[in-house]
Amino acid sequence: MTTTTMSSTTSAIRWVDVIEYPETGVNSQILLEDANCRYMLMSLAAGMHIAEHAAPHNATVNVIEGQGVLTLEGKDLVLESGVFVFIPATALHSVKAVTNLTFLLTFSEMVTDSDREPCHVHSI
C-alpha cells in the first residue's frame, strides 16, 4: 500500500529525510496528491530500469540526485542533479539509473489548447 508522505497542511520536507534507495528496483512514494496533481518521489538503485511505457497525463521529472538516462520518444536525455524534463501525455519513455537516482515525478492534468487561459505578464 502506498502512503502519502505530506498533507496539504505540511509546509516542507527535507530530501535527506525521505529519500530511500532500495537494494534493487525502484522505491516510489507519493509526497502529495490533490485533484490536479500527484507528486511522487522516485528512487532507483544503480543499474535499475523502468521499462518503456506511456501515461495518460502530462508529467515532469525534476532530478534531485544521481545520474541516469531518460529515453523520451527515442531520444536519450541525460539525467543529473538540476535537470528538469517535461513528458507530454501518451509519450513513450523509459528510465535507466546509471548511479542511484532520485527524481520528483509530477503528474498533472492534460491541458488542451481550449482549456488554457491566456497568460498575462505584468511589469513591476
N, C-alpha and C. Protein backbone atom coordinates (compact mmCIF):
# COMPACT_ATOMS: atom_id res chain seq x y z
N MET A 1 0.84 -1.19 0.00
CA MET A 1 0.00 0.00 0.00
C MET A 1 0.88 1.24 0.00
N THR A 2 0.52 2.20 -0.83
CA THR A 2 1.27 3.45 -0.90
C THR A 2 0.66 4.45 0.06
N THR A 3 1.51 5.10 0.82
CA THR A 3 1.02 6.13 1.72
C THR A 3 1.48 7.49 1.23
N THR A 4 0.78 8.51 1.60
CA THR A 4 1.14 9.87 1.24
C THR A 4 2.00 10.45 2.34
N THR A 5 3.16 10.98 1.97
CA THR A 5 4.14 11.49 2.93
C THR A 5 3.73 12.82 3.52
N MET A 6 3.15 13.70 2.70
CA MET A 6 2.78 15.04 3.16
C MET A 6 1.27 15.18 3.14
N SER A 7 0.79 16.19 3.84
CA SER A 7 -0.62 16.55 3.75
C SER A 7 -0.68 17.99 3.23
N SER A 8 -1.86 18.45 2.92
CA SER A 8 -1.98 19.82 2.41
C SER A 8 -1.61 20.86 3.46
N THR A 9 -1.47 20.44 4.72
CA THR A 9 -1.08 21.37 5.77
C THR A 9 0.42 21.33 6.08
N THR A 10 1.15 20.35 5.49
CA THR A 10 2.59 20.26 5.68
C THR A 10 3.26 21.28 4.77
N SER A 11 4.13 22.09 5.32
CA SER A 11 4.76 23.15 4.54
C SER A 11 6.00 22.69 3.79
N ALA A 12 6.77 21.79 4.37
CA ALA A 12 8.04 21.43 3.75
C ALA A 12 8.53 20.08 4.25
N ILE A 13 9.36 19.48 3.42
CA ILE A 13 10.10 18.28 3.82
C ILE A 13 11.54 18.49 3.39
N ARG A 14 12.43 17.67 3.95
CA ARG A 14 13.83 17.69 3.54
C ARG A 14 14.10 16.42 2.76
N TRP A 15 14.74 16.55 1.58
CA TRP A 15 15.01 15.37 0.77
C TRP A 15 15.76 14.31 1.56
N VAL A 16 16.73 14.73 2.36
CA VAL A 16 17.54 13.77 3.12
C VAL A 16 16.67 12.91 4.05
N ASP A 17 15.52 13.44 4.47
CA ASP A 17 14.63 12.70 5.37
C ASP A 17 13.72 11.71 4.66
N VAL A 18 13.55 11.85 3.35
CA VAL A 18 12.58 11.00 2.65
C VAL A 18 13.17 10.13 1.54
N ILE A 19 14.39 10.42 1.09
CA ILE A 19 14.99 9.60 0.03
C ILE A 19 15.48 8.29 0.62
N GLU A 20 15.01 7.19 0.05
CA GLU A 20 15.43 5.85 0.46
C GLU A 20 15.70 5.03 -0.79
N TYR A 21 16.94 4.55 -0.93
CA TYR A 21 17.28 3.73 -2.09
C TYR A 21 17.06 2.25 -1.78
N PRO A 22 16.40 1.56 -2.66
CA PRO A 22 16.26 0.11 -2.49
C PRO A 22 17.57 -0.57 -2.87
N GLU A 23 17.78 -1.80 -2.41
CA GLU A 23 18.96 -2.55 -2.84
C GLU A 23 18.87 -2.85 -4.33
N THR A 24 17.66 -3.18 -4.79
CA THR A 24 17.39 -3.37 -6.21
C THR A 24 16.01 -2.80 -6.47
N GLY A 25 15.75 -2.44 -7.70
CA GLY A 25 14.41 -1.98 -8.06
C GLY A 25 14.22 -0.50 -7.85
N VAL A 26 12.95 -0.16 -7.62
CA VAL A 26 12.52 1.22 -7.54
C VAL A 26 11.72 1.43 -6.26
N ASN A 27 11.98 2.53 -5.57
CA ASN A 27 11.19 2.92 -4.41
C ASN A 27 10.40 4.17 -4.82
N SER A 28 9.08 4.11 -4.73
CA SER A 28 8.28 5.28 -5.06
C SER A 28 7.40 5.62 -3.88
N GLN A 29 7.28 6.91 -3.62
CA GLN A 29 6.40 7.37 -2.55
C GLN A 29 5.65 8.61 -3.01
N ILE A 30 4.36 8.60 -2.77
CA ILE A 30 3.56 9.78 -3.09
C ILE A 30 3.81 10.79 -1.99
N LEU A 31 4.32 11.96 -2.39
CA LEU A 31 4.56 13.02 -1.41
C LEU A 31 3.28 13.77 -1.13
N LEU A 32 2.53 14.06 -2.18
CA LEU A 32 1.30 14.83 -2.05
C LEU A 32 0.44 14.57 -3.27
N GLU A 33 -0.85 14.53 -3.07
CA GLU A 33 -1.78 14.34 -4.17
C GLU A 33 -3.01 15.21 -3.93
N ASP A 34 -3.44 15.90 -4.99
CA ASP A 34 -4.67 16.68 -4.91
C ASP A 34 -5.49 16.40 -6.16
N ALA A 35 -6.52 17.16 -6.39
CA ALA A 35 -7.40 16.91 -7.53
C ALA A 35 -6.71 17.12 -8.87
N ASN A 36 -5.62 17.88 -8.90
CA ASN A 36 -4.96 18.22 -10.16
C ASN A 36 -3.62 17.56 -10.39
N CYS A 37 -2.89 17.26 -9.33
CA CYS A 37 -1.52 16.76 -9.48
C CYS A 37 -1.22 15.64 -8.49
N ARG A 38 -0.24 14.83 -8.88
CA ARG A 38 0.35 13.84 -7.98
C ARG A 38 1.85 14.06 -8.00
N TYR A 39 2.44 14.24 -6.83
CA TYR A 39 3.87 14.47 -6.68
C TYR A 39 4.49 13.21 -6.09
N MET A 40 5.33 12.52 -6.87
CA MET A 40 5.92 11.25 -6.44
C MET A 40 7.43 11.36 -6.40
N LEU A 41 8.01 10.85 -5.33
CA LEU A 41 9.46 10.76 -5.22
C LEU A 41 9.86 9.37 -5.70
N MET A 42 10.70 9.32 -6.73
CA MET A 42 11.13 8.06 -7.32
C MET A 42 12.63 7.89 -7.06
N SER A 43 13.00 6.76 -6.44
CA SER A 43 14.41 6.46 -6.17
C SER A 43 14.73 5.11 -6.78
N LEU A 44 15.70 5.08 -7.70
CA LEU A 44 16.10 3.86 -8.39
C LEU A 44 17.50 3.47 -7.96
N ALA A 45 17.71 2.20 -7.69
CA ALA A 45 19.04 1.69 -7.40
C ALA A 45 19.86 1.71 -8.68
N ALA A 46 21.18 1.89 -8.54
CA ALA A 46 22.07 1.91 -9.69
C ALA A 46 21.85 0.68 -10.56
N GLY A 47 21.77 0.90 -11.87
CA GLY A 47 21.59 -0.20 -12.82
C GLY A 47 20.15 -0.60 -13.07
N MET A 48 19.22 -0.05 -12.31
CA MET A 48 17.81 -0.41 -12.49
C MET A 48 17.20 0.33 -13.68
N HIS A 49 16.11 -0.21 -14.18
CA HIS A 49 15.50 0.30 -15.41
C HIS A 49 13.98 0.29 -15.25
N ILE A 50 13.32 1.36 -15.66
CA ILE A 50 11.86 1.38 -15.76
C ILE A 50 11.56 1.21 -17.24
N ALA A 51 10.87 0.14 -17.59
CA ALA A 51 10.60 -0.21 -18.98
C ALA A 51 9.79 0.87 -19.70
N GLU A 52 9.91 0.89 -21.00
CA GLU A 52 9.19 1.87 -21.81
C GLU A 52 7.69 1.77 -21.58
N HIS A 53 7.07 2.92 -21.41
CA HIS A 53 5.63 3.00 -21.16
C HIS A 53 5.14 4.40 -21.52
N ALA A 54 3.85 4.59 -21.45
CA ALA A 54 3.25 5.91 -21.65
C ALA A 54 2.23 6.12 -20.54
N ALA A 55 1.96 7.38 -20.24
CA ALA A 55 0.98 7.73 -19.21
C ALA A 55 -0.09 8.63 -19.83
N PRO A 56 -1.29 8.61 -19.29
CA PRO A 56 -2.36 9.42 -19.86
C PRO A 56 -2.30 10.90 -19.48
N HIS A 57 -1.35 11.27 -18.62
CA HIS A 57 -1.24 12.65 -18.16
C HIS A 57 0.13 13.23 -18.51
N ASN A 58 0.20 14.55 -18.59
CA ASN A 58 1.49 15.22 -18.69
C ASN A 58 2.27 14.92 -17.41
N ALA A 59 3.60 14.93 -17.52
CA ALA A 59 4.44 14.68 -16.35
C ALA A 59 5.70 15.52 -16.46
N THR A 60 6.30 15.79 -15.32
CA THR A 60 7.62 16.41 -15.28
C THR A 60 8.53 15.56 -14.41
N VAL A 61 9.81 15.58 -14.75
CA VAL A 61 10.86 14.92 -13.98
C VAL A 61 11.82 16.01 -13.54
N ASN A 62 12.04 16.11 -12.23
CA ASN A 62 12.98 17.08 -11.67
C ASN A 62 14.02 16.28 -10.89
N VAL A 63 15.23 16.16 -11.45
CA VAL A 63 16.25 15.30 -10.85
C VAL A 63 16.85 15.94 -9.61
N ILE A 64 16.84 15.17 -8.53
CA ILE A 64 17.37 15.65 -7.25
C ILE A 64 18.82 15.23 -7.07
N GLU A 65 19.11 13.94 -7.32
CA GLU A 65 20.49 13.47 -7.21
C GLU A 65 20.69 12.21 -8.04
N GLY A 66 21.95 11.96 -8.36
CA GLY A 66 22.30 10.77 -9.13
C GLY A 66 22.38 11.05 -10.62
N GLN A 67 22.61 9.96 -11.37
CA GLN A 67 22.73 10.05 -12.82
C GLN A 67 21.95 8.93 -13.48
N GLY A 68 21.39 9.26 -14.65
CA GLY A 68 20.66 8.26 -15.39
C GLY A 68 20.38 8.75 -16.80
N VAL A 69 19.56 7.99 -17.51
CA VAL A 69 19.17 8.33 -18.87
C VAL A 69 17.66 8.14 -18.99
N LEU A 70 17.01 9.17 -19.49
CA LEU A 70 15.58 9.11 -19.82
C LEU A 70 15.49 9.03 -21.33
N THR A 71 14.88 7.98 -21.84
CA THR A 71 14.64 7.87 -23.27
C THR A 71 13.21 8.32 -23.51
N LEU A 72 13.05 9.42 -24.24
CA LEU A 72 11.76 10.04 -24.50
C LEU A 72 11.52 10.05 -26.00
N GLU A 73 10.53 9.26 -26.43
CA GLU A 73 10.21 9.17 -27.85
C GLU A 73 11.46 8.89 -28.69
N GLY A 74 12.32 7.96 -28.18
CA GLY A 74 13.50 7.53 -28.91
C GLY A 74 14.74 8.41 -28.74
N LYS A 75 14.63 9.50 -28.01
CA LYS A 75 15.77 10.40 -27.80
C LYS A 75 16.28 10.26 -26.37
N ASP A 76 17.59 10.03 -26.22
CA ASP A 76 18.19 9.89 -24.89
C ASP A 76 18.50 11.25 -24.29
N LEU A 77 18.03 11.46 -23.04
CA LEU A 77 18.30 12.69 -22.29
C LEU A 77 19.07 12.32 -21.04
N VAL A 78 20.17 13.00 -20.77
CA VAL A 78 20.98 12.73 -19.58
C VAL A 78 20.27 13.29 -18.37
N LEU A 79 20.12 12.46 -17.36
CA LEU A 79 19.54 12.89 -16.09
C LEU A 79 20.66 13.07 -15.08
N GLU A 80 20.69 14.24 -14.46
CA GLU A 80 21.63 14.54 -13.38
C GLU A 80 21.02 15.65 -12.56
N SER A 81 21.55 15.88 -11.39
CA SER A 81 21.00 16.87 -10.48
C SER A 81 20.77 18.20 -11.20
N GLY A 82 19.57 18.75 -11.02
CA GLY A 82 19.24 20.03 -11.61
C GLY A 82 18.53 19.95 -12.94
N VAL A 83 18.44 18.77 -13.54
CA VAL A 83 17.77 18.63 -14.84
C VAL A 83 16.26 18.53 -14.64
N PHE A 84 15.53 19.25 -15.49
CA PHE A 84 14.06 19.26 -15.48
C PHE A 84 13.58 18.84 -16.86
N VAL A 85 12.69 17.86 -16.93
CA VAL A 85 12.20 17.34 -18.20
C VAL A 85 10.68 17.34 -18.19
N PHE A 86 10.08 17.76 -19.30
CA PHE A 86 8.63 17.69 -19.49
C PHE A 86 8.34 16.48 -20.37
N ILE A 87 7.38 15.65 -19.95
CA ILE A 87 6.96 14.48 -20.72
C ILE A 87 5.48 14.67 -21.07
N PRO A 88 5.18 14.86 -22.36
CA PRO A 88 3.78 15.04 -22.74
C PRO A 88 2.97 13.76 -22.53
N ALA A 89 1.68 13.92 -22.29
CA ALA A 89 0.78 12.78 -22.15
C ALA A 89 0.94 11.87 -23.37
N THR A 90 0.91 10.58 -23.13
CA THR A 90 0.98 9.49 -24.12
C THR A 90 2.34 9.33 -24.79
N ALA A 91 3.36 10.11 -24.41
CA ALA A 91 4.70 9.96 -25.00
C ALA A 91 5.37 8.71 -24.42
N LEU A 92 5.94 7.89 -25.29
CA LEU A 92 6.67 6.71 -24.83
C LEU A 92 7.98 7.14 -24.18
N HIS A 93 8.28 6.55 -23.02
CA HIS A 93 9.51 6.90 -22.32
C HIS A 93 9.95 5.76 -21.41
N SER A 94 11.24 5.75 -21.07
CA SER A 94 11.80 4.78 -20.13
C SER A 94 12.92 5.48 -19.37
N VAL A 95 13.34 4.87 -18.25
CA VAL A 95 14.39 5.45 -17.41
C VAL A 95 15.38 4.37 -17.04
N LYS A 96 16.67 4.70 -17.07
CA LYS A 96 17.72 3.80 -16.59
C LYS A 96 18.60 4.58 -15.63
N ALA A 97 18.84 4.01 -14.45
CA ALA A 97 19.70 4.63 -13.44
C ALA A 97 21.13 4.16 -13.66
N VAL A 98 22.04 5.09 -13.89
CA VAL A 98 23.46 4.78 -14.00
C VAL A 98 24.05 4.64 -12.60
N THR A 99 23.72 5.60 -11.73
CA THR A 99 24.05 5.53 -10.31
C THR A 99 22.72 5.53 -9.56
N ASN A 100 22.75 5.46 -8.24
CA ASN A 100 21.50 5.67 -7.51
C ASN A 100 20.91 6.99 -8.00
N LEU A 101 19.62 6.99 -8.30
CA LEU A 101 18.98 8.14 -8.94
C LEU A 101 17.67 8.46 -8.24
N THR A 102 17.47 9.73 -7.90
CA THR A 102 16.21 10.17 -7.31
C THR A 102 15.70 11.37 -8.06
N PHE A 103 14.39 11.34 -8.37
CA PHE A 103 13.76 12.48 -9.02
C PHE A 103 12.34 12.65 -8.52
N LEU A 104 11.86 13.89 -8.62
CA LEU A 104 10.49 14.20 -8.29
C LEU A 104 9.70 14.09 -9.59
N LEU A 105 8.72 13.20 -9.60
CA LEU A 105 7.85 12.98 -10.76
C LEU A 105 6.51 13.61 -10.44
N THR A 106 6.08 14.54 -11.28
CA THR A 106 4.80 15.21 -11.07
C THR A 106 3.88 14.91 -12.24
N PHE A 107 2.72 14.33 -11.93
CA PHE A 107 1.69 14.09 -12.94
C PHE A 107 0.67 15.21 -12.84
N SER A 108 0.28 15.74 -13.98
CA SER A 108 -0.73 16.79 -13.99
C SER A 108 -1.81 16.45 -15.01
N GLU A 109 -2.88 17.21 -14.96
CA GLU A 109 -3.94 17.01 -15.93
C GLU A 109 -3.43 17.38 -17.32
N MET A 110 -3.92 16.68 -18.33
CA MET A 110 -3.58 17.05 -19.69
C MET A 110 -4.42 18.26 -20.06
N VAL A 111 -3.75 19.35 -20.43
CA VAL A 111 -4.44 20.59 -20.76
C VAL A 111 -4.48 20.74 -22.27
N THR A 112 -5.67 20.89 -22.82
CA THR A 112 -5.79 21.13 -24.26
C THR A 112 -5.77 22.63 -24.49
N ASP A 113 -5.53 23.04 -25.72
CA ASP A 113 -5.49 24.46 -26.04
C ASP A 113 -6.79 25.16 -25.68
N SER A 114 -7.91 24.48 -25.80
CA SER A 114 -9.19 25.11 -25.48
C SER A 114 -9.38 25.30 -23.98
N ASP A 115 -8.60 24.55 -23.16
CA ASP A 115 -8.69 24.68 -21.71
C ASP A 115 -7.79 25.78 -21.16
N ARG A 116 -6.85 26.24 -21.96
CA ARG A 116 -5.85 27.20 -21.49
C ARG A 116 -6.47 28.57 -21.29
N GLU A 117 -6.04 29.19 -20.22
CA GLU A 117 -6.39 30.58 -20.00
C GLU A 117 -5.22 31.41 -20.50
N PRO A 118 -5.49 32.59 -21.04
CA PRO A 118 -4.36 33.40 -21.52
C PRO A 118 -3.43 33.78 -20.38
N CYS A 119 -2.15 33.84 -20.68
CA CYS A 119 -1.15 34.23 -19.70
C CYS A 119 -0.96 35.74 -19.78
N HIS A 120 -1.02 36.39 -18.66
CA HIS A 120 -0.84 37.84 -18.62
C HIS A 120 0.46 38.14 -17.90
N VAL A 121 1.29 38.97 -18.51
CA VAL A 121 2.56 39.37 -17.93
C VAL A 121 2.45 40.83 -17.50
N HIS A 122 2.85 41.07 -16.28
CA HIS A 122 2.79 42.43 -15.74
C HIS A 122 4.18 42.86 -15.32
N SER A 123 4.53 44.09 -15.58
CA SER A 123 5.81 44.60 -15.09
C SER A 123 5.62 45.16 -13.69
N ILE A 124 6.69 45.16 -12.94
CA ILE A 124 6.62 45.63 -11.56
C ILE A 124 7.15 47.04 -11.49
